[in-house]
């Protein structure tokens, strides 16, 4: 037997998010919207990505039916300021061989990206133009390869491409 919640009582709904252990809270911002028809929409925002988090929704201190809920929070889109190049090919290359390194992507809140689909723009300046390519690992990493035909000092620039914008990530000078 269910009783309808009366109009205007949405303020009594509360959302809490916990790590999978159920005891350690995760910071969230939540709000409840009274739809005016006896139904309520509860929205929450968190800046922590993770799998198997526990969402507890209660009304006047009593859990709603089915609570706690298991939720997966995916990371946001890659944010260039928190992405970086990693691996020996990012700072050293042998003539004639391919220098490879990985680009590690993180979102605005420093959660590691776990999917692919980002567009990279890889550019180089130096004595000649190397052959540049990248491969999407579909796990938040990208393998960049550069093949140099002439020795010298090069500057490699790796950017996240956002439409016409190019947002540089951290890369060392070669």
N, C-alpha and C. Protein backbone atom coordinates (compact mmCIF):
# COMPACT_ATOMS: atom_id res chain seq x y z
N UNK A 1 0.84 -1.17 0.00
CA UNK A 1 0.00 0.00 0.00
C UNK A 1 0.89 1.24 0.00
N UNK A 2 0.65 2.14 -0.93
CA UNK A 2 1.45 3.35 -1.07
C UNK A 2 0.58 4.57 -0.82
N UNK A 3 1.17 5.55 -0.15
CA UNK A 3 0.50 6.84 0.06
C UNK A 3 1.19 7.88 -0.80
N UNK A 4 0.39 8.71 -1.47
CA UNK A 4 0.97 9.77 -2.29
C UNK A 4 1.62 10.81 -1.40
N UNK A 5 2.74 11.34 -1.85
CA UNK A 5 3.40 12.43 -1.14
C UNK A 5 2.68 13.71 -1.53
N UNK A 6 2.34 14.49 -0.54
CA UNK A 6 1.58 15.71 -0.78
C UNK A 6 2.41 16.77 -1.48
N UNK A 7 1.75 17.65 -2.19
CA UNK A 7 2.38 18.75 -2.90
C UNK A 7 3.23 19.58 -1.95
N UNK A 8 4.42 19.94 -2.39
CA UNK A 8 5.29 20.80 -1.60
C UNK A 8 6.19 20.08 -0.62
N UNK A 9 6.16 18.77 -0.60
CA UNK A 9 6.99 18.03 0.36
C UNK A 9 8.29 17.52 -0.26
N UNK A 10 8.65 18.02 -1.43
CA UNK A 10 9.88 17.61 -2.10
C UNK A 10 11.13 17.97 -1.31
N UNK A 11 11.04 18.98 -0.48
CA UNK A 11 12.19 19.40 0.31
C UNK A 11 12.63 18.31 1.29
N UNK A 12 11.78 17.34 1.53
CA UNK A 12 12.11 16.28 2.47
C UNK A 12 12.87 15.12 1.81
N UNK A 13 13.03 15.17 0.47
CA UNK A 13 13.81 14.16 -0.20
C UNK A 13 15.29 14.49 -0.05
N UNK A 14 16.10 13.46 0.10
CA UNK A 14 17.54 13.66 0.27
C UNK A 14 18.27 12.59 -0.54
N UNK A 15 19.34 13.00 -1.21
CA UNK A 15 20.19 12.06 -1.95
C UNK A 15 21.57 12.06 -1.32
N UNK A 16 22.12 10.87 -1.14
CA UNK A 16 23.48 10.72 -0.63
C UNK A 16 24.18 9.67 -1.49
N UNK A 17 25.45 9.90 -1.77
CA UNK A 17 26.22 8.99 -2.59
C UNK A 17 27.40 8.47 -1.77
N UNK A 18 27.67 7.17 -1.90
CA UNK A 18 28.74 6.53 -1.14
C UNK A 18 29.59 5.68 -2.07
N UNK A 19 30.87 5.50 -1.67
CA UNK A 19 31.71 4.52 -2.35
C UNK A 19 31.06 3.15 -2.18
N UNK A 20 31.54 2.15 -2.90
CA UNK A 20 30.93 0.82 -2.86
C UNK A 20 30.91 0.20 -1.47
N UNK A 21 31.78 0.68 -0.55
CA UNK A 21 31.77 0.13 0.81
C UNK A 21 30.52 0.55 1.59
N UNK A 22 29.78 1.54 1.08
CA UNK A 22 28.54 1.99 1.71
C UNK A 22 28.75 2.88 2.91
N UNK A 23 29.99 3.09 3.33
CA UNK A 23 30.25 3.89 4.53
C UNK A 23 30.94 5.22 4.23
N UNK A 24 31.71 5.27 3.14
CA UNK A 24 32.48 6.48 2.83
C UNK A 24 31.68 7.35 1.87
N UNK A 25 31.30 8.56 2.33
CA UNK A 25 30.48 9.42 1.46
C UNK A 25 31.28 10.06 0.33
N UNK A 26 30.57 10.33 -0.75
CA UNK A 26 31.09 11.04 -1.91
C UNK A 26 30.34 12.37 -1.96
N UNK A 27 31.06 13.45 -2.20
CA UNK A 27 30.42 14.76 -2.24
C UNK A 27 29.51 14.87 -3.46
N UNK A 28 28.28 15.32 -3.22
CA UNK A 28 27.34 15.55 -4.31
C UNK A 28 26.58 16.85 -4.05
N UNK A 29 25.99 17.36 -5.10
CA UNK A 29 25.06 18.48 -5.02
C UNK A 29 23.74 17.92 -5.54
N UNK A 30 22.67 18.06 -4.76
CA UNK A 30 21.39 17.51 -5.20
C UNK A 30 20.28 18.54 -5.01
N UNK A 31 19.22 18.34 -5.78
CA UNK A 31 18.04 19.18 -5.61
C UNK A 31 16.82 18.37 -6.03
N UNK A 32 15.71 18.69 -5.44
CA UNK A 32 14.47 18.01 -5.73
C UNK A 32 13.50 19.01 -6.36
N UNK A 33 12.90 18.62 -7.47
CA UNK A 33 11.95 19.47 -8.17
C UNK A 33 10.56 18.88 -8.00
N UNK A 34 9.66 19.65 -7.44
CA UNK A 34 8.26 19.25 -7.28
C UNK A 34 7.57 19.49 -8.62
N UNK A 35 7.10 18.44 -9.25
CA UNK A 35 6.47 18.56 -10.57
C UNK A 35 5.02 19.01 -10.48
N UNK A 36 4.50 19.14 -9.27
CA UNK A 36 3.15 19.66 -9.07
C UNK A 36 2.04 18.65 -9.31
N UNK A 37 2.40 17.41 -9.55
CA UNK A 37 1.37 16.38 -9.82
C UNK A 37 1.55 15.17 -8.90
N UNK A 38 2.23 15.38 -7.78
CA UNK A 38 2.50 14.28 -6.86
C UNK A 38 3.78 13.53 -7.19
N UNK A 39 4.46 13.98 -8.26
CA UNK A 39 5.72 13.35 -8.63
C UNK A 39 6.85 14.36 -8.42
N UNK A 40 8.03 13.83 -8.16
CA UNK A 40 9.19 14.65 -7.87
C UNK A 40 10.37 14.16 -8.71
N UNK A 41 11.19 15.09 -9.15
CA UNK A 41 12.42 14.74 -9.86
C UNK A 41 13.59 15.12 -8.96
N UNK A 42 14.44 14.16 -8.69
CA UNK A 42 15.61 14.38 -7.86
C UNK A 42 16.84 14.33 -8.75
N UNK A 43 17.58 15.42 -8.82
CA UNK A 43 18.79 15.49 -9.64
C UNK A 43 20.00 15.64 -8.72
N UNK A 44 21.10 15.02 -9.11
CA UNK A 44 22.33 15.17 -8.33
C UNK A 44 23.51 15.26 -9.27
N UNK A 45 24.55 15.91 -8.80
CA UNK A 45 25.80 16.07 -9.55
C UNK A 45 26.94 15.67 -8.64
N UNK A 46 27.87 14.92 -9.19
CA UNK A 46 29.09 14.58 -8.46
C UNK A 46 30.28 14.79 -9.40
N UNK A 47 31.42 14.99 -8.82
CA UNK A 47 32.63 15.22 -9.61
C UNK A 47 33.58 14.04 -9.54
N UNK A 48 33.10 12.92 -8.99
CA UNK A 48 33.90 11.71 -8.87
C UNK A 48 33.33 10.64 -9.79
N UNK A 49 34.14 10.14 -10.69
CA UNK A 49 33.71 9.03 -11.55
C UNK A 49 34.02 7.73 -10.83
N UNK A 50 33.18 6.75 -11.02
CA UNK A 50 33.42 5.45 -10.41
C UNK A 50 32.32 4.46 -10.74
N UNK A 51 32.63 3.19 -10.52
CA UNK A 51 31.66 2.12 -10.76
C UNK A 51 31.19 1.57 -9.42
N UNK A 52 29.93 1.14 -9.38
CA UNK A 52 29.39 0.51 -8.18
C UNK A 52 29.21 1.45 -7.00
N UNK A 53 29.04 2.74 -7.28
CA UNK A 53 28.75 3.68 -6.19
C UNK A 53 27.34 3.40 -5.69
N UNK A 54 27.07 3.77 -4.44
CA UNK A 54 25.77 3.50 -3.84
C UNK A 54 25.02 4.82 -3.64
N UNK A 55 23.86 4.94 -4.27
CA UNK A 55 23.02 6.13 -4.16
C UNK A 55 21.88 5.83 -3.21
N UNK A 56 21.83 6.57 -2.11
CA UNK A 56 20.77 6.42 -1.13
C UNK A 56 19.81 7.59 -1.28
N UNK A 57 18.55 7.30 -1.54
CA UNK A 57 17.52 8.33 -1.64
C UNK A 57 16.53 8.08 -0.50
N UNK A 58 16.30 9.12 0.26
CA UNK A 58 15.38 8.99 1.39
C UNK A 58 14.39 10.15 1.40
N UNK A 59 13.27 9.92 2.08
CA UNK A 59 12.25 10.94 2.29
C UNK A 59 11.95 10.96 3.78
N UNK A 60 12.19 12.11 4.39
CA UNK A 60 12.01 12.27 5.84
C UNK A 60 12.80 11.21 6.61
N UNK A 61 14.01 10.92 6.11
CA UNK A 61 14.91 10.00 6.80
C UNK A 61 14.68 8.53 6.52
N UNK A 62 13.65 8.19 5.76
CA UNK A 62 13.35 6.79 5.44
C UNK A 62 13.75 6.51 3.99
N UNK A 63 14.51 5.44 3.74
CA UNK A 63 14.91 5.14 2.35
C UNK A 63 13.68 4.88 1.47
N UNK A 64 13.71 5.36 0.24
CA UNK A 64 12.63 5.05 -0.70
C UNK A 64 12.79 3.61 -1.16
N UNK A 65 11.73 3.04 -1.71
CA UNK A 65 11.75 1.65 -2.15
C UNK A 65 12.88 1.43 -3.16
N UNK A 66 13.68 0.39 -2.93
CA UNK A 66 14.78 0.04 -3.82
C UNK A 66 16.10 0.68 -3.45
N UNK A 67 16.07 1.66 -2.55
CA UNK A 67 17.30 2.36 -2.14
C UNK A 67 18.05 1.50 -1.13
N UNK A 68 19.38 1.41 -1.22
CA UNK A 68 20.28 2.15 -2.09
C UNK A 68 20.35 1.55 -3.49
N UNK A 69 20.69 2.40 -4.46
CA UNK A 69 20.81 2.01 -5.85
C UNK A 69 22.29 1.96 -6.22
N UNK A 70 22.66 1.01 -7.04
CA UNK A 70 24.03 0.94 -7.54
C UNK A 70 24.11 1.81 -8.79
N UNK A 71 25.05 2.76 -8.81
CA UNK A 71 25.20 3.64 -9.97
C UNK A 71 26.65 3.65 -10.45
N UNK A 72 26.79 3.84 -11.74
CA UNK A 72 28.09 4.02 -12.35
C UNK A 72 28.15 5.44 -12.87
N UNK A 73 29.18 6.18 -12.48
CA UNK A 73 29.36 7.56 -12.91
C UNK A 73 30.55 7.59 -13.87
N UNK A 74 30.27 7.92 -15.11
CA UNK A 74 31.33 7.96 -16.14
C UNK A 74 32.09 9.27 -16.04
N UNK A 75 33.39 9.26 -16.36
CA UNK A 75 34.14 10.51 -16.39
C UNK A 75 33.61 11.42 -17.48
N UNK A 76 33.91 12.70 -17.35
CA UNK A 76 33.54 13.67 -18.37
C UNK A 76 34.47 13.58 -19.56
N UNK A 77 34.30 14.51 -20.47
CA UNK A 77 35.13 14.60 -21.67
C UNK A 77 36.54 15.04 -21.27
N UNK A 78 37.53 14.63 -22.04
CA UNK A 78 38.93 14.97 -21.75
C UNK A 78 39.10 16.48 -21.66
N UNK A 79 39.90 16.91 -20.69
CA UNK A 79 40.19 18.32 -20.45
C UNK A 79 41.70 18.50 -20.62
N UNK A 80 42.10 19.24 -21.65
CA UNK A 80 43.51 19.33 -22.05
C UNK A 80 44.44 19.70 -20.90
N UNK A 81 44.02 20.58 -20.00
CA UNK A 81 44.88 21.03 -18.92
C UNK A 81 45.32 19.89 -17.99
N UNK A 82 44.57 18.77 -17.98
CA UNK A 82 44.91 17.65 -17.09
C UNK A 82 45.45 16.44 -17.86
N UNK A 83 45.58 16.55 -19.17
CA UNK A 83 46.10 15.45 -19.99
C UNK A 83 47.61 15.62 -20.14
N UNK A 84 48.31 14.50 -20.38
CA UNK A 84 49.76 14.60 -20.54
C UNK A 84 50.29 13.46 -21.40
N UNK A 85 51.49 13.66 -21.92
CA UNK A 85 52.20 12.65 -22.69
C UNK A 85 53.10 11.86 -21.76
N UNK A 86 53.19 10.53 -21.99
CA UNK A 86 53.99 9.67 -21.13
C UNK A 86 54.70 8.62 -21.98
N UNK A 87 55.97 8.42 -21.70
CA UNK A 87 56.73 7.39 -22.41
C UNK A 87 57.97 7.98 -23.03
N UNK A 88 58.95 7.12 -23.34
CA UNK A 88 60.25 7.60 -23.83
C UNK A 88 60.17 8.37 -25.15
N UNK A 89 59.25 8.01 -26.04
CA UNK A 89 59.14 8.69 -27.32
C UNK A 89 58.67 10.12 -27.22
N UNK A 90 58.21 10.52 -26.04
CA UNK A 90 57.77 11.91 -25.84
C UNK A 90 58.95 12.86 -25.67
N UNK A 91 60.13 12.30 -25.37
CA UNK A 91 61.29 13.19 -25.17
C UNK A 91 62.55 12.74 -25.91
N UNK A 92 62.49 11.57 -26.57
CA UNK A 92 63.69 11.07 -27.25
C UNK A 92 63.27 10.24 -28.46
N UNK A 93 64.02 10.36 -29.53
CA UNK A 93 63.75 9.57 -30.74
C UNK A 93 65.06 9.19 -31.42
N UNK A 94 65.10 8.00 -31.98
CA UNK A 94 66.26 7.58 -32.78
C UNK A 94 65.94 7.85 -34.25
N UNK A 95 66.93 8.30 -34.95
CA UNK A 95 66.78 8.61 -36.37
C UNK A 95 66.38 7.34 -37.14
N UNK A 96 65.36 7.46 -37.95
CA UNK A 96 64.90 6.34 -38.76
C UNK A 96 63.91 5.43 -38.08
N UNK A 97 63.88 5.42 -36.76
CA UNK A 97 62.94 4.58 -36.02
C UNK A 97 61.71 5.38 -35.61
N UNK A 98 60.69 4.69 -35.19
CA UNK A 98 59.48 5.36 -34.73
C UNK A 98 59.59 5.64 -33.23
N UNK A 99 59.36 6.86 -32.84
CA UNK A 99 59.30 7.24 -31.43
C UNK A 99 57.82 7.21 -31.03
N UNK A 100 57.49 6.41 -30.05
CA UNK A 100 56.09 6.31 -29.63
C UNK A 100 55.95 6.68 -28.17
N UNK A 101 54.78 7.21 -27.85
CA UNK A 101 54.43 7.52 -26.46
C UNK A 101 52.92 7.53 -26.35
N UNK A 102 52.43 7.57 -25.14
CA UNK A 102 50.99 7.57 -24.89
C UNK A 102 50.54 8.94 -24.41
N UNK A 103 49.35 9.30 -24.82
CA UNK A 103 48.68 10.47 -24.27
C UNK A 103 47.64 9.94 -23.30
N UNK A 104 47.73 10.37 -22.06
CA UNK A 104 46.81 9.96 -21.01
C UNK A 104 45.78 11.08 -20.86
N UNK A 105 44.49 10.73 -20.88
CA UNK A 105 43.45 11.76 -20.80
C UNK A 105 42.69 11.69 -19.48
N UNK A 106 42.37 12.89 -18.97
CA UNK A 106 41.63 13.05 -17.73
C UNK A 106 40.58 14.13 -17.93
N UNK A 107 39.48 14.04 -17.20
CA UNK A 107 38.44 15.05 -17.35
C UNK A 107 38.73 16.28 -16.49
N UNK A 108 37.83 17.24 -16.52
CA UNK A 108 37.99 18.51 -15.80
C UNK A 108 38.21 18.30 -14.29
N UNK A 109 37.69 17.20 -13.74
CA UNK A 109 37.80 16.94 -12.30
C UNK A 109 38.88 15.92 -12.00
N UNK A 110 39.76 15.67 -12.97
CA UNK A 110 40.92 14.77 -12.86
C UNK A 110 40.55 13.29 -12.72
N UNK A 111 39.36 12.93 -13.21
CA UNK A 111 39.01 11.51 -13.33
C UNK A 111 39.66 10.99 -14.60
N UNK A 112 40.25 9.80 -14.54
CA UNK A 112 40.86 9.22 -15.75
C UNK A 112 39.74 8.88 -16.74
N UNK A 113 39.91 9.34 -17.97
CA UNK A 113 38.95 9.00 -19.02
C UNK A 113 39.07 7.51 -19.33
N UNK A 114 37.96 6.86 -19.58
CA UNK A 114 37.97 5.42 -19.80
C UNK A 114 37.46 5.03 -21.18
N UNK A 115 37.10 5.99 -22.00
CA UNK A 115 36.63 5.71 -23.35
C UNK A 115 37.49 6.43 -24.36
N UNK A 116 37.17 6.26 -25.60
CA UNK A 116 37.92 6.91 -26.67
C UNK A 116 37.08 7.97 -27.34
N UNK A 117 37.48 8.29 -28.56
CA UNK A 117 36.71 9.22 -29.36
C UNK A 117 37.21 10.64 -29.40
N UNK A 118 38.26 10.95 -28.64
CA UNK A 118 38.82 12.30 -28.70
C UNK A 118 39.60 12.47 -30.00
N UNK A 119 39.60 13.65 -30.51
CA UNK A 119 40.39 13.97 -31.70
C UNK A 119 41.66 14.68 -31.25
N UNK A 120 42.80 14.20 -31.71
CA UNK A 120 44.08 14.83 -31.41
C UNK A 120 44.59 15.56 -32.64
N UNK A 121 45.31 16.63 -32.40
CA UNK A 121 46.03 17.32 -33.46
C UNK A 121 47.49 17.25 -33.07
N UNK A 122 48.31 16.56 -33.86
CA UNK A 122 49.73 16.38 -33.56
C UNK A 122 50.53 17.14 -34.60
N UNK A 123 51.36 18.06 -34.14
CA UNK A 123 52.17 18.90 -35.02
C UNK A 123 53.62 18.90 -34.53
N UNK A 124 54.54 19.13 -35.46
CA UNK A 124 55.95 19.18 -35.11
C UNK A 124 56.62 20.32 -35.85
N UNK A 125 57.62 20.91 -35.20
CA UNK A 125 58.47 21.88 -35.89
C UNK A 125 59.91 21.48 -35.64
N UNK A 126 60.76 21.72 -36.62
CA UNK A 126 62.16 21.34 -36.51
C UNK A 126 62.79 21.35 -37.88
N UNK A 127 63.93 20.65 -38.03
CA UNK A 127 64.68 20.67 -39.29
C UNK A 127 63.90 20.09 -40.48
N UNK A 128 62.97 19.18 -40.23
CA UNK A 128 62.16 18.58 -41.29
C UNK A 128 60.81 18.19 -40.70
N UNK A 129 59.92 17.70 -41.52
CA UNK A 129 58.60 17.29 -41.03
C UNK A 129 58.57 15.78 -40.84
N UNK A 130 58.44 15.32 -39.60
CA UNK A 130 58.36 13.88 -39.36
C UNK A 130 56.99 13.33 -39.77
N UNK A 131 56.92 12.03 -39.89
CA UNK A 131 55.65 11.35 -40.16
C UNK A 131 54.98 11.15 -38.80
N UNK A 132 53.80 11.73 -38.63
CA UNK A 132 53.09 11.70 -37.35
C UNK A 132 51.78 10.95 -37.49
N UNK A 133 51.46 10.17 -36.48
CA UNK A 133 50.16 9.49 -36.45
C UNK A 133 49.77 9.21 -35.01
N UNK A 134 48.49 8.90 -34.81
CA UNK A 134 48.06 8.47 -33.48
C UNK A 134 46.98 7.41 -33.61
N UNK A 135 46.86 6.60 -32.56
CA UNK A 135 45.88 5.51 -32.52
C UNK A 135 45.08 5.63 -31.23
N UNK A 136 43.77 5.59 -31.34
CA UNK A 136 42.86 5.65 -30.19
C UNK A 136 42.78 4.28 -29.56
N UNK A 137 43.18 4.16 -28.28
CA UNK A 137 43.11 2.90 -27.56
C UNK A 137 41.73 2.58 -27.03
N UNK A 138 40.77 3.49 -27.17
CA UNK A 138 39.39 3.34 -26.69
C UNK A 138 39.32 3.06 -25.19
N UNK A 139 40.35 3.50 -24.46
CA UNK A 139 40.40 3.34 -23.01
C UNK A 139 40.89 4.62 -22.33
N UNK A 140 40.82 5.74 -23.05
CA UNK A 140 41.30 7.00 -22.50
C UNK A 140 42.75 7.27 -22.81
N UNK A 141 43.40 6.34 -23.54
CA UNK A 141 44.80 6.56 -23.94
C UNK A 141 44.89 6.57 -25.46
N UNK A 142 45.92 7.27 -25.94
CA UNK A 142 46.17 7.39 -27.37
C UNK A 142 47.66 7.17 -27.59
N UNK A 143 48.00 6.29 -28.54
CA UNK A 143 49.40 6.02 -28.85
C UNK A 143 49.81 6.92 -30.00
N UNK A 144 50.79 7.78 -29.76
CA UNK A 144 51.29 8.70 -30.77
C UNK A 144 52.62 8.17 -31.29
N UNK A 145 52.80 8.25 -32.60
CA UNK A 145 54.03 7.78 -33.23
C UNK A 145 54.60 8.89 -34.10
N UNK A 146 55.91 9.07 -34.02
CA UNK A 146 56.61 10.06 -34.85
C UNK A 146 57.85 9.39 -35.43
N UNK A 147 58.03 9.55 -36.74
CA UNK A 147 59.20 8.97 -37.40
C UNK A 147 59.98 10.13 -38.03
N UNK A 148 61.23 10.31 -37.56
CA UNK A 148 62.07 11.43 -37.98
C UNK A 148 63.08 10.97 -39.02
N UNK A 149 63.24 11.76 -40.10
CA UNK A 149 64.18 11.42 -41.16
C UNK A 149 65.45 12.23 -41.12
N UNK A 150 65.53 13.21 -40.23
CA UNK A 150 66.71 14.07 -40.13
C UNK A 150 66.95 14.38 -38.66
N UNK A 151 68.20 14.25 -38.20
CA UNK A 151 68.47 14.53 -36.79
C UNK A 151 68.39 16.03 -36.53
N UNK A 152 68.12 16.36 -35.29
CA UNK A 152 68.02 17.76 -34.89
C UNK A 152 67.11 17.90 -33.69
N UNK A 153 66.83 19.13 -33.34
CA UNK A 153 65.94 19.42 -32.21
C UNK A 153 64.56 19.74 -32.77
N UNK A 154 63.56 19.04 -32.26
CA UNK A 154 62.18 19.20 -32.71
C UNK A 154 61.31 19.63 -31.53
N UNK A 155 60.26 20.29 -31.84
CA UNK A 155 59.24 20.62 -30.85
C UNK A 155 57.96 19.92 -31.29
N UNK A 156 57.45 19.07 -30.44
CA UNK A 156 56.24 18.32 -30.75
C UNK A 156 55.08 18.92 -29.97
N UNK A 157 53.98 19.16 -30.65
CA UNK A 157 52.81 19.77 -30.04
C UNK A 157 51.63 18.82 -30.21
N UNK A 158 51.05 18.39 -29.08
CA UNK A 158 49.87 17.52 -29.11
C UNK A 158 48.73 18.30 -28.48
N UNK A 159 47.63 18.38 -29.20
CA UNK A 159 46.46 19.14 -28.75
C UNK A 159 45.21 18.28 -28.82
N UNK A 160 44.24 18.60 -27.94
CA UNK A 160 42.90 18.08 -28.11
C UNK A 160 42.22 19.00 -29.10
N UNK A 161 41.58 18.44 -30.10
CA UNK A 161 40.89 19.25 -31.11
C UNK A 161 39.42 19.38 -30.72
N UNK A 162 38.97 20.60 -30.60
CA UNK A 162 37.58 20.91 -30.28
C UNK A 162 37.05 21.85 -31.35
N UNK A 163 36.49 21.30 -32.40
CA UNK A 163 36.07 22.12 -33.52
C UNK A 163 37.27 22.78 -34.14
N UNK A 164 37.26 24.11 -34.21
CA UNK A 164 38.40 24.86 -34.76
C UNK A 164 39.48 25.12 -33.71
N UNK A 165 39.17 24.87 -32.44
CA UNK A 165 40.13 25.15 -31.36
C UNK A 165 41.10 23.99 -31.20
N UNK A 166 42.33 24.31 -30.82
CA UNK A 166 43.38 23.33 -30.51
C UNK A 166 43.84 23.63 -29.09
N UNK A 167 43.61 22.68 -28.17
CA UNK A 167 43.94 22.86 -26.76
C UNK A 167 45.15 22.01 -26.41
N UNK A 168 46.32 22.64 -26.17
CA UNK A 168 47.55 21.87 -25.97
C UNK A 168 47.56 21.09 -24.66
N UNK A 169 48.17 19.89 -24.73
CA UNK A 169 48.42 19.09 -23.53
C UNK A 169 49.92 19.21 -23.22
N UNK A 170 50.32 18.72 -22.06
CA UNK A 170 51.73 18.81 -21.64
C UNK A 170 52.58 17.82 -22.43
N UNK A 171 53.58 18.33 -23.17
CA UNK A 171 54.55 17.47 -23.86
C UNK A 171 55.93 18.09 -23.70
N UNK A 172 56.96 17.27 -23.48
CA UNK A 172 58.32 17.82 -23.38
C UNK A 172 58.90 18.15 -24.75
N UNK A 173 59.93 18.98 -24.78
CA UNK A 173 60.63 19.29 -26.03
C UNK A 173 61.53 18.13 -26.40
N UNK A 174 61.63 17.86 -27.70
CA UNK A 174 62.53 16.79 -28.17
C UNK A 174 63.89 17.37 -28.51
